[in-house]
Amino acid sequence: MRSSDQIKNHRPPRHLSEEARGWWKRLMAEFDIDDQPGLLTLQSTLEAFDRLRESQAVLAKEGITVKDRFGQPKQHPATMVERDARTALMRGLKALNLDVVMPNPIGRPGGS
């Protein structure tokens, strides 16, 4: 794999977008990710992030529907790429234990 040296040195892989490399640097600074499986999970997670952004750009330009050969609207294929990339991103964050934690308990606040 071409980015194995970068992973060993904890530098963001070059093939990631500038935005994803920024996330790599922030996450590496904030969390202690230094084992090989964790670094590979982080790389895969940020690759999914890039795929998500790419599909969002296509959908912003072309819309969420396309016409089929009969002229009927159908779901744009990039919507499925977006969905799958978002799922992979969230699973990767969860695998890294970076999922969002609610700051306060759910429910009504106590009376005063």
PDB file of N, CA and C in Angstrom:
ATOM      1  N   MET A   1       0.847  -1.181   0.000  1.00  0.00           N
ATOM      2  CA  MET A   1       0.000   0.000   0.000  1.00  0.00           C
ATOM      3  C   MET A   1       0.881   1.228   0.000  1.00  0.00           C
ATOM      4  N   ARG A   2       0.601   2.200  -0.849  1.00  0.00           N
ATOM      5  CA  ARG A   2       1.509   3.323  -1.007  1.00  0.00           C
ATOM      6  C   ARG A   2       1.551   4.252   0.170  1.00  0.00           C
ATOM      7  N   SER A   3       0.554   4.248   1.026  1.00  0.00           N
ATOM      8  CA  SER A   3       0.535   5.187   2.142  1.00  0.00           C
ATOM      9  C   SER A   3       0.977   4.564   3.461  1.00  0.00           C
ATOM     10  N   SER A   4       1.544   3.350   3.426  1.00  0.00           N
ATOM     11  CA  SER A   4       1.931   2.694   4.674  1.00  0.00           C
ATOM     12  C   SER A   4       3.019   3.466   5.402  1.00  0.00           C
ATOM     13  N   ASP A   5       3.971   4.074   4.675  1.00  0.00           N
ATOM     14  CA  ASP A   5       5.001   4.886   5.331  1.00  0.00           C
ATOM     15  C   ASP A   5       4.382   6.110   5.991  1.00  0.00           C
ATOM     16  N   GLN A   6       3.401   6.716   5.343  1.00  0.00           N
ATOM     17  CA  GLN A   6       2.743   7.882   5.930  1.00  0.00           C
ATOM     18  C   GLN A   6       1.986   7.486   7.185  1.00  0.00           C
ATOM     19  N   ILE A   7       1.356   6.316   7.172  1.00  0.00           N
ATOM     20  CA  ILE A   7       0.629   5.866   8.355  1.00  0.00           C
ATOM     21  C   ILE A   7       1.618   5.615   9.491  1.00  0.00           C
ATOM     22  N   LYS A   8       2.744   4.995   9.183  1.00  0.00           N
ATOM     23  CA  LYS A   8       3.742   4.730  10.213  1.00  0.00           C
ATOM     24  C   LYS A   8       4.228   6.026  10.854  1.00  0.00           C
ATOM     25  N   ASN A   9       4.343   7.083  10.064  1.00  0.00           N
ATOM     26  CA  ASN A   9       4.824   8.367  10.568  1.00  0.00           C
ATOM     27  C   ASN A   9       3.685   9.261  11.052  1.00  0.00           C
ATOM     28  N   HIS A  10       2.466   8.773  11.012  1.00  0.00           N
ATOM     29  CA  HIS A  10       1.277   9.494  11.468  1.00  0.00           C
ATOM     30  C   HIS A  10       0.985  10.745  10.638  1.00  0.00           C
ATOM     31  N   ARG A  11       1.504  10.802   9.434  1.00  0.00           N
ATOM     32  CA  ARG A  11       1.173  11.904   8.528  1.00  0.00           C
ATOM     33  C   ARG A  11      -0.049  11.515   7.720  1.00  0.00           C
ATOM     34  N   PRO A  12      -0.861  12.485   7.336  1.00  0.00           N
ATOM     35  CA  PRO A  12      -2.044  12.133   6.527  1.00  0.00           C
ATOM     36  C   PRO A  12      -1.625  11.595   5.160  1.00  0.00           C
ATOM     37  N   PRO A  13      -2.290  10.570   4.685  1.00  0.00           N
ATOM     38  CA  PRO A  13      -1.996  10.049   3.346  1.00  0.00           C
ATOM     39  C   PRO A  13      -2.204  11.130   2.287  1.00  0.00           C
ATOM     40  N   ARG A  14      -1.329  11.163   1.311  1.00  0.00           N
ATOM     41  CA  ARG A  14      -1.356  12.217   0.277  1.00  0.00           C
ATOM     42  C   ARG A  14      -2.589  12.170  -0.601  1.00  0.00           C
ATOM     43  N   HIS A  15      -3.197  10.993  -0.745  1.00  0.00           N
ATOM     44  CA  HIS A  15      -4.346  10.900  -1.650  1.00  0.00           C
ATOM     45  C   HIS A  15      -5.627  11.476  -1.040  1.00  0.00           C
ATOM     46  N   LEU A  16      -5.611  11.785   0.246  1.00  0.00           N
ATOM     47  CA  LEU A  16      -6.794  12.395   0.864  1.00  0.00           C
ATOM     48  C   LEU A  16      -6.914  13.854   0.431  1.00  0.00           C
ATOM     49  N   SER A  17      -8.133  14.359   0.414  1.00  0.00           N
ATOM     50  CA  SER A  17      -8.361  15.761   0.087  1.00  0.00           C
ATOM     51  C   SER A  17      -7.751  16.658   1.158  1.00  0.00           C
ATOM     52  N   GLU A  18      -7.636  17.917   0.853  1.00  0.00           N
ATOM     53  CA  GLU A  18      -7.120  18.882   1.826  1.00  0.00           C
ATOM     54  C   GLU A  18      -8.001  18.912   3.073  1.00  0.00           C
ATOM     55  N   GLU A  19      -9.319  18.857   2.885  1.00  0.00           N
ATOM     56  CA  GLU A  19     -10.248  18.864   4.018  1.00  0.00           C
ATOM     57  C   GLU A  19     -10.055  17.619   4.886  1.00  0.00           C
ATOM     58  N   ALA A  20      -9.926  16.458   4.252  1.00  0.00           N
ATOM     59  CA  ALA A  20      -9.729  15.207   5.001  1.00  0.00           C
ATOM     60  C   ALA A  20      -8.374  15.199   5.704  1.00  0.00           C
ATOM     61  N   ARG A  21      -7.343  15.745   5.059  1.00  0.00           N
ATOM     62  CA  ARG A  21      -6.033  15.833   5.722  1.00  0.00           C
ATOM     63  C   ARG A  21      -6.104  16.736   6.948  1.00  0.00           C
ATOM     64  N   GLY A  22      -6.925  17.788   6.865  1.00  0.00           N
ATOM     65  CA  GLY A  22      -7.125  18.645   8.031  1.00  0.00           C
ATOM     66  C   GLY A  22      -7.785  17.885   9.171  1.00  0.00           C
ATOM     67  N   TRP A  23      -8.785  17.061   8.834  1.00  0.00           N
ATOM     68  CA  TRP A  23      -9.431  16.231   9.859  1.00  0.00           C
ATOM     69  C   TRP A  23      -8.437  15.248  10.453  1.00  0.00           C
ATOM     70  N   TRP A  24      -7.587  14.648   9.603  1.00  0.00           N
ATOM     71  CA  TRP A  24      -6.562  13.708  10.088  1.00  0.00           C
ATOM     72  C   TRP A  24      -5.709  14.392  11.154  1.00  0.00           C
ATOM     73  N   LYS A  25      -5.212  15.582  10.833  1.00  0.00           N
ATOM     74  CA  LYS A  25      -4.332  16.301  11.756  1.00  0.00           C
ATOM     75  C   LYS A  25      -5.049  16.643  13.061  1.00  0.00           C
ATOM     76  N   ARG A  26      -6.298  17.095  12.950  1.00  0.00           N
ATOM     77  CA  ARG A  26      -7.060  17.436  14.166  1.00  0.00           C
ATOM     78  C   ARG A  26      -7.319  16.209  15.026  1.00  0.00           C
ATOM     79  N   LEU A  27      -7.719  15.110  14.394  1.00  0.00           N
ATOM     80  CA  LEU A  27      -8.012  13.897  15.154  1.00  0.00           C
ATOM     81  C   LEU A  27      -6.751  13.297  15.761  1.00  0.00           C
ATOM     82  N   MET A  28      -5.654  13.358  15.037  1.00  0.00           N
ATOM     83  CA  MET A  28      -4.396  12.846  15.576  1.00  0.00           C
ATOM     84  C   MET A  28      -3.925  13.695  16.753  1.00  0.00           C
ATOM     85  N   ALA A  29      -4.182  14.995  16.705  1.00  0.00           N
ATOM     86  CA  ALA A  29      -3.773  15.879  17.798  1.00  0.00           C
ATOM     87  C   ALA A  29      -4.659  15.691  19.026  1.00  0.00           C
ATOM     88  N   GLU A  30      -5.946  15.437  18.800  1.00  0.00           N
ATOM     89  CA  GLU A  30      -6.899  15.353  19.907  1.00  0.00           C
ATOM     90  C   GLU A  30      -7.003  13.966  20.527  1.00  0.00           C
ATOM     91  N   PHE A  31      -6.838  12.922  19.712  1.00  0.00           N
ATOM     92  CA  PHE A  31      -7.006  11.556  20.184  1.00  0.00           C
ATOM     93  C   PHE A  31      -5.703  10.788  20.021  1.00  0.00           C
ATOM     94  N   ASP A  32      -5.519   9.800  20.833  1.00  0.00           N
ATOM     95  CA  ASP A  32      -4.292   9.005  20.811  1.00  0.00           C
ATOM     96  C   ASP A  32      -4.481   7.809  19.884  1.00  0.00           C
ATOM     97  N   ILE A  33      -4.348   8.049  18.587  1.00  0.00           N
ATOM     98  CA  ILE A  33      -4.472   6.985  17.590  1.00  0.00           C
ATOM     99  C   ILE A  33      -3.064   6.690  17.093  1.00  0.00           C
ATOM    100  N   ASP A  34      -2.475   5.622  17.594  1.00  0.00           N
ATOM    101  CA  ASP A  34      -1.105   5.330  17.182  1.00  0.00           C
ATOM    102  C   ASP A  34      -0.873   3.871  16.822  1.00  0.00           C
ATOM    103  N   ASP A  35      -1.908   3.041  16.936  1.00  0.00           N
ATOM    104  CA  ASP A  35      -1.748   1.644  16.548  1.00  0.00           C
ATOM    105  C   ASP A  35      -2.111   1.470  15.076  1.00  0.00           C
ATOM    106  N   GLN A  36      -1.545   0.472  14.440  1.00  0.00           N
ATOM    107  CA  GLN A  36      -1.750   0.236  13.012  1.00  0.00           C
ATOM    108  C   GLN A  36      -3.226   0.066  12.647  1.00  0.00           C
ATOM    109  N   PRO A  37      -4.006  -0.757  13.367  1.00  0.00           N
ATOM    110  CA  PRO A  37      -5.429  -0.879  13.013  1.00  0.00           C
ATOM    111  C   PRO A  37      -6.188   0.456  13.150  1.00  0.00           C
ATOM    112  N   GLY A  38      -5.864   1.218  14.174  1.00  0.00           N
ATOM    113  CA  GLY A  38      -6.520   2.507  14.355  1.00  0.00           C
ATOM    114  C   GLY A  38      -6.191   3.476  13.236  1.00  0.00           C
ATOM    115  N   LEU A  39      -4.943   3.491  12.806  1.00  0.00           N
ATOM    116  CA  LEU A  39      -4.532   4.383  11.722  1.00  0.00           C
ATOM    117  C   LEU A  39      -5.169   3.970  10.395  1.00  0.00           C
ATOM    118  N   LEU A  40      -5.262   2.665  10.154  1.00  0.00           N
ATOM    119  CA  LEU A  40      -5.920   2.198   8.931  1.00  0.00           C
ATOM    120  C   LEU A  40      -7.419   2.500   8.958  1.00  0.00           C
ATOM    121  N   THR A  41      -8.024   2.370  10.138  1.00  0.00           N
ATOM    122  CA  THR A  41      -9.447   2.712  10.278  1.00  0.00           C
ATOM    123  C   THR A  41      -9.654   4.198  10.037  1.00  0.00           C
ATOM    124  N   LEU A  42      -8.766   5.020  10.582  1.00  0.00           N
ATOM    125  CA  LEU A  42      -8.860   6.468  10.360  1.00  0.00           C
ATOM    126  C   LEU A  42      -8.713   6.794   8.876  1.00  0.00           C
ATOM    127  N   GLN A  43      -7.763   6.148   8.204  1.00  0.00           N
ATOM    128  CA  GLN A  43      -7.590   6.390   6.778  1.00  0.00           C
ATOM    129  C   GLN A  43      -8.850   6.005   5.994  1.00  0.00           C
ATOM    130  N   SER A  44      -9.388   4.826   6.273  1.00  0.00           N
ATOM    131  CA  SER A  44     -10.599   4.375   5.576  1.00  0.00           C
ATOM    132  C   SER A  44     -11.777   5.295   5.858  1.00  0.00           C
ATOM    133  N   THR A  45     -11.867   5.764   7.085  1.00  0.00           N
ATOM    134  CA  THR A  45     -12.948   6.676   7.472  1.00  0.00           C
ATOM    135  C   THR A  45     -12.852   7.976   6.691  1.00  0.00           C
ATOM    136  N   LEU A  46     -11.649   8.501   6.553  1.00  0.00           N
ATOM    137  CA  LEU A  46     -11.481   9.767   5.834  1.00  0.00           C
ATOM    138  C   LEU A  46     -11.587   9.581   4.321  1.00  0.00           C
ATOM    139  N   GLU A  47     -11.302   8.391   3.826  1.00  0.00           N
ATOM    140  CA  GLU A  47     -11.569   8.109   2.416  1.00  0.00           C
ATOM    141  C   GLU A  47     -13.076   8.124   2.173  1.00  0.00           C
ATOM    142  N   ALA A  48     -13.844   7.575   3.113  1.00  0.00           N
ATOM    143  CA  ALA A  48     -15.307   7.623   3.007  1.00  0.00           C
ATOM    144  C   ALA A  48     -15.788   9.068   3.073  1.00  0.00           C
ATOM    145  N   PHE A  49     -15.154   9.884   3.914  1.00  0.00           N
ATOM    146  CA  PHE A  49     -15.489  11.308   3.996  1.00  0.00           C
ATOM    147  C   PHE A  49     -15.280  11.985   2.642  1.00  0.00           C
ATOM    148  N   ASP A  50     -14.145  11.695   1.996  1.00  0.00           N
ATOM    149  CA  ASP A  50     -13.883  12.265   0.674  1.00  0.00           C
ATOM    150  C   ASP A  50     -14.927  11.812  -0.337  1.00  0.00           C
ATOM    151  N   ARG A  51     -15.298  10.527  -0.294  1.00  0.00           N
ATOM    152  CA  ARG A  51     -16.312  10.005  -1.216  1.00  0.00           C
ATOM    153  C   ARG A  51     -17.643  10.713  -0.980  1.00  0.00           C
ATOM    154  N   LEU A  52     -17.969  10.951   0.284  1.00  0.00           N
ATOM    155  CA  LEU A  52     -19.190  11.674   0.630  1.00  0.00           C
ATOM    156  C   LEU A  52     -19.175  13.063   0.006  1.00  0.00           C
ATOM    157  N   ARG A  53     -18.085  13.782   0.169  1.00  0.00           N
ATOM    158  CA  ARG A  53     -17.967  15.127  -0.388  1.00  0.00           C
ATOM    159  C   ARG A  53     -18.054  15.118  -1.914  1.00  0.00           C
ATOM    160  N   GLU A  54     -17.419  14.122  -2.553  1.00  0.00           N
ATOM    161  CA  GLU A  54     -17.478  14.018  -4.009  1.00  0.00           C
ATOM    162  C   GLU A  54     -18.909  13.810  -4.492  1.00  0.00           C
ATOM    163  N   SER A  55     -19.622  12.910  -3.837  1.00  0.00           N
ATOM    164  CA  SER A  55     -21.002  12.638  -4.246  1.00  0.00           C
ATOM    165  C   SER A  55     -21.887  13.852  -3.979  1.00  0.00           C
ATOM    166  N   GLN A  56     -21.647  14.572  -2.899  1.00  0.00           N
ATOM    167  CA  GLN A  56     -22.419  15.781  -2.616  1.00  0.00           C
ATOM    168  C   GLN A  56     -22.197  16.842  -3.698  1.00  0.00           C
ATOM    169  N   ALA A  57     -20.967  16.947  -4.193  1.00  0.00           N
ATOM    170  CA  ALA A  57     -20.673  17.913  -5.253  1.00  0.00           C
ATOM    171  C   ALA A  57     -21.400  17.547  -6.546  1.00  0.00           C
ATOM    172  N   VAL A  58     -21.414  16.261  -6.882  1.00  0.00           N
ATOM    173  CA  VAL A  58     -22.123  15.806  -8.081  1.00  0.00           C
ATOM    174  C   VAL A  58     -23.611  16.104  -7.945  1.00  0.00           C
ATOM    175  N   LEU A  59     -24.186  15.798  -6.783  1.00  0.00           N
ATOM    176  CA  LEU A  59     -25.616  16.020  -6.572  1.00  0.00           C
ATOM    177  C   LEU A  59     -25.968  17.501  -6.565  1.00  0.00           C
ATOM    178  N   ALA A  60     -25.089  18.332  -6.051  1.00  0.00           N
ATOM    179  CA  ALA A  60     -25.341  19.774  -6.060  1.00  0.00           C
ATOM    180  C   ALA A  60     -25.385  20.299  -7.493  1.00  0.00           C
ATOM    181  N   LYS A  61     -24.569  19.722  -8.350  1.00  0.00           N
ATOM    182  CA  LYS A  61     -24.503  20.149  -9.753  1.00  0.00           C
ATOM    183  C   LYS A  61     -25.629  19.544 -10.595  1.00  0.00           C
ATOM    184  N   GLU A  62     -25.907  18.250 -10.392  1.00  0.00           N
ATOM    185  CA  GLU A  62     -26.824  17.529 -11.273  1.00  0.00           C
ATOM    186  C   GLU A  62     -28.207  17.284 -10.687  1.00  0.00           C
ATOM    187  N   GLY A  63     -28.374  17.474  -9.392  1.00  0.00           N
ATOM    188  CA  GLY A  63     -29.661  17.216  -8.754  1.00  0.00           C
ATOM    189  C   GLY A  63     -29.769  15.780  -8.272  1.00  0.00           C
ATOM    190  N   ILE A  64     -30.816  15.516  -7.489  1.00  0.00           N
ATOM    191  CA  ILE A  64     -30.952  14.186  -6.893  1.00  0.00           C
ATOM    192  C   ILE A  64     -31.709  13.198  -7.776  1.00  0.00           C
ATOM    193  N   THR A  65     -32.245  13.677  -8.893  1.00  0.00           N
ATOM    194  CA  THR A  65     -32.915  12.769  -9.833  1.00  0.00           C
ATOM    195  C   THR A  65     -32.322  12.935 -11.224  1.00  0.00           C
ATOM    196  N   VAL A  66     -32.432  11.874 -12.011  1.00  0.00           N
ATOM    197  CA  VAL A  66     -32.045  11.884 -13.426  1.00  0.00           C
ATOM    198  C   VAL A  66     -33.206  11.261 -14.194  1.00  0.00           C
ATOM    199  N   LYS A  67     -33.218  11.470 -15.489  1.00  0.00           N
ATOM    200  CA  LYS A  67     -34.262  10.856 -16.327  1.00  0.00           C
ATOM    201  C   LYS A  67     -33.769   9.512 -16.846  1.00  0.00           C
ATOM    202  N   ASP A  68     -34.643   8.517 -16.775  1.00  0.00           N
ATOM    203  CA  ASP A  68     -34.283   7.218 -17.333  1.00  0.00           C
ATOM    204  C   ASP A  68     -34.510   7.240 -18.846  1.00  0.00           C
ATOM    205  N   ARG A  69     -34.325   6.126 -19.503  1.00  0.00           N
ATOM    206  CA  ARG A  69     -34.448   6.087 -20.968  1.00  0.00           C
ATOM    207  C   ARG A  69     -35.861   6.366 -21.459  1.00  0.00           C
ATOM    208  N   PHE A  70     -36.838   6.292 -20.549  1.00  0.00           N
ATOM    209  CA  PHE A  70     -38.220   6.593 -20.917  1.00  0.00           C
ATOM    210  C   PHE A  70     -38.609   8.018 -20.537  1.00  0.00           C
ATOM    211  N   GLY A  71     -37.644   8.788 -20.039  1.00  0.00           N
ATOM    212  CA  GLY A  71     -37.908  10.169 -19.655  1.00  0.00           C
ATOM    213  C   GLY A  71     -38.513  10.319 -18.271  1.00  0.00           C
ATOM    214  N   GLN A  72     -38.540   9.247 -17.507  1.00  0.00           N
ATOM    215  CA  GLN A  72     -39.108   9.287 -16.160  1.00  0.00           C
ATOM    216  C   GLN A  72     -38.011   9.601 -15.144  1.00  0.00           C
ATOM    217  N   PRO A  73     -38.334  10.404 -14.132  1.00  0.00           N
ATOM    218  CA  PRO A  73     -37.311  10.705 -13.121  1.00  0.00           C
ATOM    219  C   PRO A  73     -37.012   9.477 -12.262  1.00  0.00           C
ATOM    220  N   LYS A  74     -35.731   9.321 -11.952  1.00  0.00           N
ATOM    221  CA  LYS A  74     -35.316   8.250 -11.045  1.00  0.00           C
ATOM    222  C   LYS A  74     -34.191   8.791 -10.169  1.00  0.00           C
ATOM    223  N   GLN A  75     -33.933   8.085  -9.112  1.00  0.00           N
ATOM    224  CA  GLN A  75     -32.907   8.487  -8.157  1.00  0.00           C
ATOM    225  C   GLN A  75     -31.529   8.539  -8.840  1.00  0.00           C
ATOM    226  N   HIS A  76     -30.811   9.622  -8.614  1.00  0.00           N
ATOM    227  CA  HIS A  76     -29.460   9.759  -9.156  1.00  0.00           C
ATOM    228  C   HIS A  76     -28.563   8.712  -8.485  1.00  0.00           C
ATOM    229  N   PRO A  77     -27.721   8.011  -9.252  1.00  0.00           N
ATOM    230  CA  PRO A  77     -26.836   7.007  -8.646  1.00  0.00           C
ATOM    231  C   PRO A  77     -25.921   7.579  -7.554  1.00  0.00           C
ATOM    232  N   ALA A  78     -25.590   8.845  -7.635  1.00  0.00           N
ATOM    233  CA  ALA A  78     -24.717   9.449  -6.620  1.00  0.00           C
ATOM    234  C   ALA A  78     -25.399   9.528  -5.258  1.00  0.00           C
ATOM    235  N   THR A  79     -26.739   9.456  -5.218  1.00  0.00           N
ATOM    236  CA  THR A  79     -27.409   9.461  -3.910  1.00  0.00           C
ATOM    237  C   THR A  79     -27.076   8.196  -3.134  1.00  0.00           C
ATOM    238  N   MET A  80     -26.900   7.097  -3.853  1.00  0.00           N
ATOM    239  CA  MET A  80     -26.546   5.836  -3.194  1.00  0.00           C
ATOM    240  C   MET A  80     -25.085   5.849  -2.735  1.00  0.00           C
ATOM    241  N   VAL A  81     -24.231   6.477  -3.532  1.00  0.00           N
ATOM    242  CA  VAL A  81     -22.826   6.638  -3.134  1.00  0.00           C
ATOM    243  C   VAL A  81     -22.759   7.512  -1.886  1.00  0.00           C
ATOM    244  N   GLU A  82     -23.544   8.582  -1.872  1.00  0.00           N
ATOM    245  CA  GLU A  82     -23.579   9.476  -0.713  1.00  0.00           C
ATOM    246  C   GLU A  82     -24.026   8.717   0.540  1.00  0.00           C
ATOM    247  N   ARG A  83     -25.098   7.962   0.414  1.00  0.00           N
ATOM    248  CA  ARG A  83     -25.617   7.187   1.544  1.00  0.00           C
ATOM    249  C   ARG A  83     -24.587   6.193   2.071  1.00  0.00           C
ATOM    250  N   ASP A  84     -23.980   5.445   1.150  1.00  0.00           N
ATOM    251  CA  ASP A  84     -23.006   4.436   1.551  1.00  0.00           C
ATOM    252  C   ASP A  84     -21.762   5.069   2.176  1.00  0.00           C
ATOM    253  N   ALA A  85     -21.321   6.194   1.627  1.00  0.00           N
ATOM    254  CA  ALA A  85     -20.146   6.873   2.176  1.00  0.00           C
ATOM    255  C   ALA A  85     -20.444   7.436   3.558  1.00  0.00           C
ATOM    256  N   ARG A  86     -21.644   7.981   3.745  1.00  0.00           N
ATOM    257  CA  ARG A  86     -22.026   8.506   5.066  1.00  0.00           C
ATOM    258  C   ARG A  86     -22.072   7.370   6.094  1.00  0.00           C
ATOM    259  N   THR A  87     -22.609   6.228   5.687  1.00  0.00           N
ATOM    260  CA  THR A  87     -22.664   5.071   6.582  1.00  0.00           C
ATOM    261  C   THR A  87     -21.252   4.605   6.949  1.00  0.00           C
ATOM    262  N   ALA A  88     -20.368   4.525   5.958  1.00  0.00           N
ATOM    263  CA  ALA A  88     -18.987   4.107   6.219  1.00  0.00           C
ATOM    264  C   ALA A  88     -18.272   5.110   7.114  1.00  0.00           C
ATOM    265  N   LEU A  89     -18.523   6.385   6.899  1.00  0.00           N
ATOM    266  CA  LEU A  89     -17.921   7.428   7.733  1.00  0.00           C
ATOM    267  C   LEU A  89     -18.367   7.279   9.183  1.00  0.00           C
ATOM    268  N   MET A  90     -19.660   7.138   9.398  1.00  0.00           N
ATOM    269  CA  MET A  90     -20.175   7.023  10.764  1.00  0.00           C
ATOM    270  C   MET A  90     -19.691   5.735  11.436  1.00  0.00           C
ATOM    271  N   ARG A  91     -19.629   4.651  10.694  1.00  0.00           N
ATOM    272  CA  ARG A  91     -19.126   3.390  11.263  1.00  0.00           C
ATOM    273  C   ARG A  91     -17.646   3.496  11.621  1.00  0.00           C
ATOM    274  N   GLY A  92     -16.892   4.179  10.774  1.00  0.00           N
ATOM    275  CA  GLY A  92     -15.479   4.370  11.063  1.00  0.00           C
ATOM    276  C   GLY A  92     -15.265   5.204  12.309  1.00  0.00           C
ATOM    277  N   LEU A  93     -16.040   6.287  12.448  1.00  0.00           N
ATOM    278  CA  LEU A  93     -15.933   7.116  13.651  1.00  0.00           C
ATOM    279  C   LEU A  93     -16.303   6.316  14.890  1.00  0.00           C
ATOM    280  N   LYS A  94     -17.338   5.494  14.751  1.00  0.00           N
ATOM    281  CA  LYS A  94     -17.750   4.669  15.886  1.00  0.00           C
ATOM    282  C   LYS A  94     -16.675   3.634  16.225  1.00  0.00           C
ATOM    283  N   ALA A  95     -16.067   3.028  15.203  1.00  0.00           N
ATOM    284  CA  ALA A  95     -15.013   2.049  15.436  1.00  0.00           C
ATOM    285  C   ALA A  95     -13.811   2.678  16.139  1.00  0.00           C
ATOM    286  N   LEU A  96     -13.600   3.961  15.894  1.00  0.00           N
ATOM    287  CA  LEU A  96     -12.511   4.686  16.552  1.00  0.00           C
ATOM    288  C   LEU A  96     -12.937   5.256  17.903  1.00  0.00           C
ATOM    289  N   ASN A  97     -14.177   4.952  18.297  1.00  0.00           N
ATOM    290  CA  ASN A  97     -14.755   5.507  19.535  1.00  0.00           C
ATOM    291  C   ASN A  97     -14.814   7.023  19.500  1.00  0.00           C
ATOM    292  N   LEU A  98     -15.116   7.571  18.328  1.00  0.00           N
ATOM    293  CA  LEU A  98     -15.233   9.010  18.165  1.00  0.00           C
ATOM    294  C   LEU A  98     -16.680   9.426  17.940  1.00  0.00           C
ATOM    295  N   ASP A  99     -17.629   8.554  18.312  1.00  0.00           N
ATOM    296  CA  ASP A  99     -19.033   8.891  18.092  1.00  0.00           C
ATOM    297  C   ASP A  99     -19.458   9.981  19.072  1.00  0.00           C
ATOM    298  N   VAL A 100     -20.502  10.667  18.709  1.00  0.00           N
ATOM    299  CA  VAL A 100     -20.969  11.811  19.472  1.00  0.00           C
ATOM    300  C   VAL A 100     -21.614  11.344  20.773  1.00  0.00           C
ATOM    301  N   VAL A 101     -21.280  12.009  21.851  1.00  0.00           N
ATOM    302  CA  VAL A 101     -21.855  11.720  23.162  1.00  0.00           C
ATOM    303  C   VAL A 101     -22.726  12.908  23.552  1.00  0.00           C
ATOM    304  N   MET A 102     -23.934  12.617  24.008  1.00  0.00           N
ATOM    305  CA  MET A 102     -24.835  13.690  24.425  1.00  0.00           C
ATOM    306  C   MET A 102     -24.252  14.409  25.638  1.00  0.00           C
ATOM    307  N   PRO A 103     -24.198  15.742  25.630  1.00  0.00           N
ATOM    308  CA  PRO A 103     -23.602  16.459  26.748  1.00  0.00           C
ATOM    309  C   PRO A 103     -24.459  16.443  28.010  1.00  0.00           C
ATOM    310  N   ASN A 104     -25.759  16.361  27.865  1.00  0.00           N
ATOM    311  CA  ASN A 104     -26.673  16.361  29.006  1.00  0.00           C
ATOM    312  C   ASN A 104     -27.612  15.177  28.907  1.00  0.00           C
ATOM    313  N   PRO A 105     -28.187  14.744  30.038  1.00  0.00           N
ATOM    314  CA  PRO A 105     -29.157  13.656  29.963  1.00  0.00           C
ATOM    315  C   PRO A 105     -30.380  14.082  29.149  1.00  0.00           C
ATOM    316  N   ILE A 106     -30.979  13.128  28.501  1.00  0.00           N
ATOM    317  CA  ILE A 106     -32.176  13.393  27.711  1.00  0.00           C
ATOM    318  C   ILE A 106     -33.369  13.480  28.670  1.00  0.00           C
ATOM    319  N   GLY A 107     -34.250  14.413  28.408  1.00  0.00           N
ATOM    320  CA  GLY A 107     -35.455  14.563  29.235  1.00  0.00           C
ATOM    321  C   GLY A 107     -35.633  15.993  29.689  1.00  0.00           C
ATOM    322  N   ARG A 108     -36.662  16.200  30.428  1.00  0.00           N
ATOM    323  CA  ARG A 108     -36.955  17.540  30.920  1.00  0.00           C
ATOM    324  C   ARG A 108     -36.005  17.903  32.050  1.00  0.00           C
ATOM    325  N   PRO A 109     -35.626  19.173  32.108  1.00  0.00           N
ATOM    326  CA  PRO A 109     -34.771  19.596  33.208  1.00  0.00           C
ATOM    327  C   PRO A 109     -35.565  19.572  34.513  1.00  0.00           C
ATOM    328  N   GLY A 110     -34.860  19.379  35.601  1.00  0.00           N
ATOM    329  CA  GLY A 110     -35.516  19.350  36.909  1.00  0.00           C
ATOM    330  C   GLY A 110     -36.087  20.725  37.277  1.00  0.00           C
ATOM    331  N   GLY A 111     -37.101  20.734  38.107  1.00  0.00           N
ATOM    332  CA  GLY A 111     -37.729  21.978  38.526  1.00  0.00           C
ATOM    333  C   GLY A 111     -36.866  22.720  39.549  1.00  0.00           C
ATOM    334  N   SER A 112     -37.113  24.040  39.625  1.00  0.00           N
ATOM    335  CA  SER A 112     -36.337  24.794  40.598  1.00  0.00           C
ATOM    336  C   SER A 112     -37.164  25.285  41.733  1.00  0.00           C
TER     337      SER A 112
END
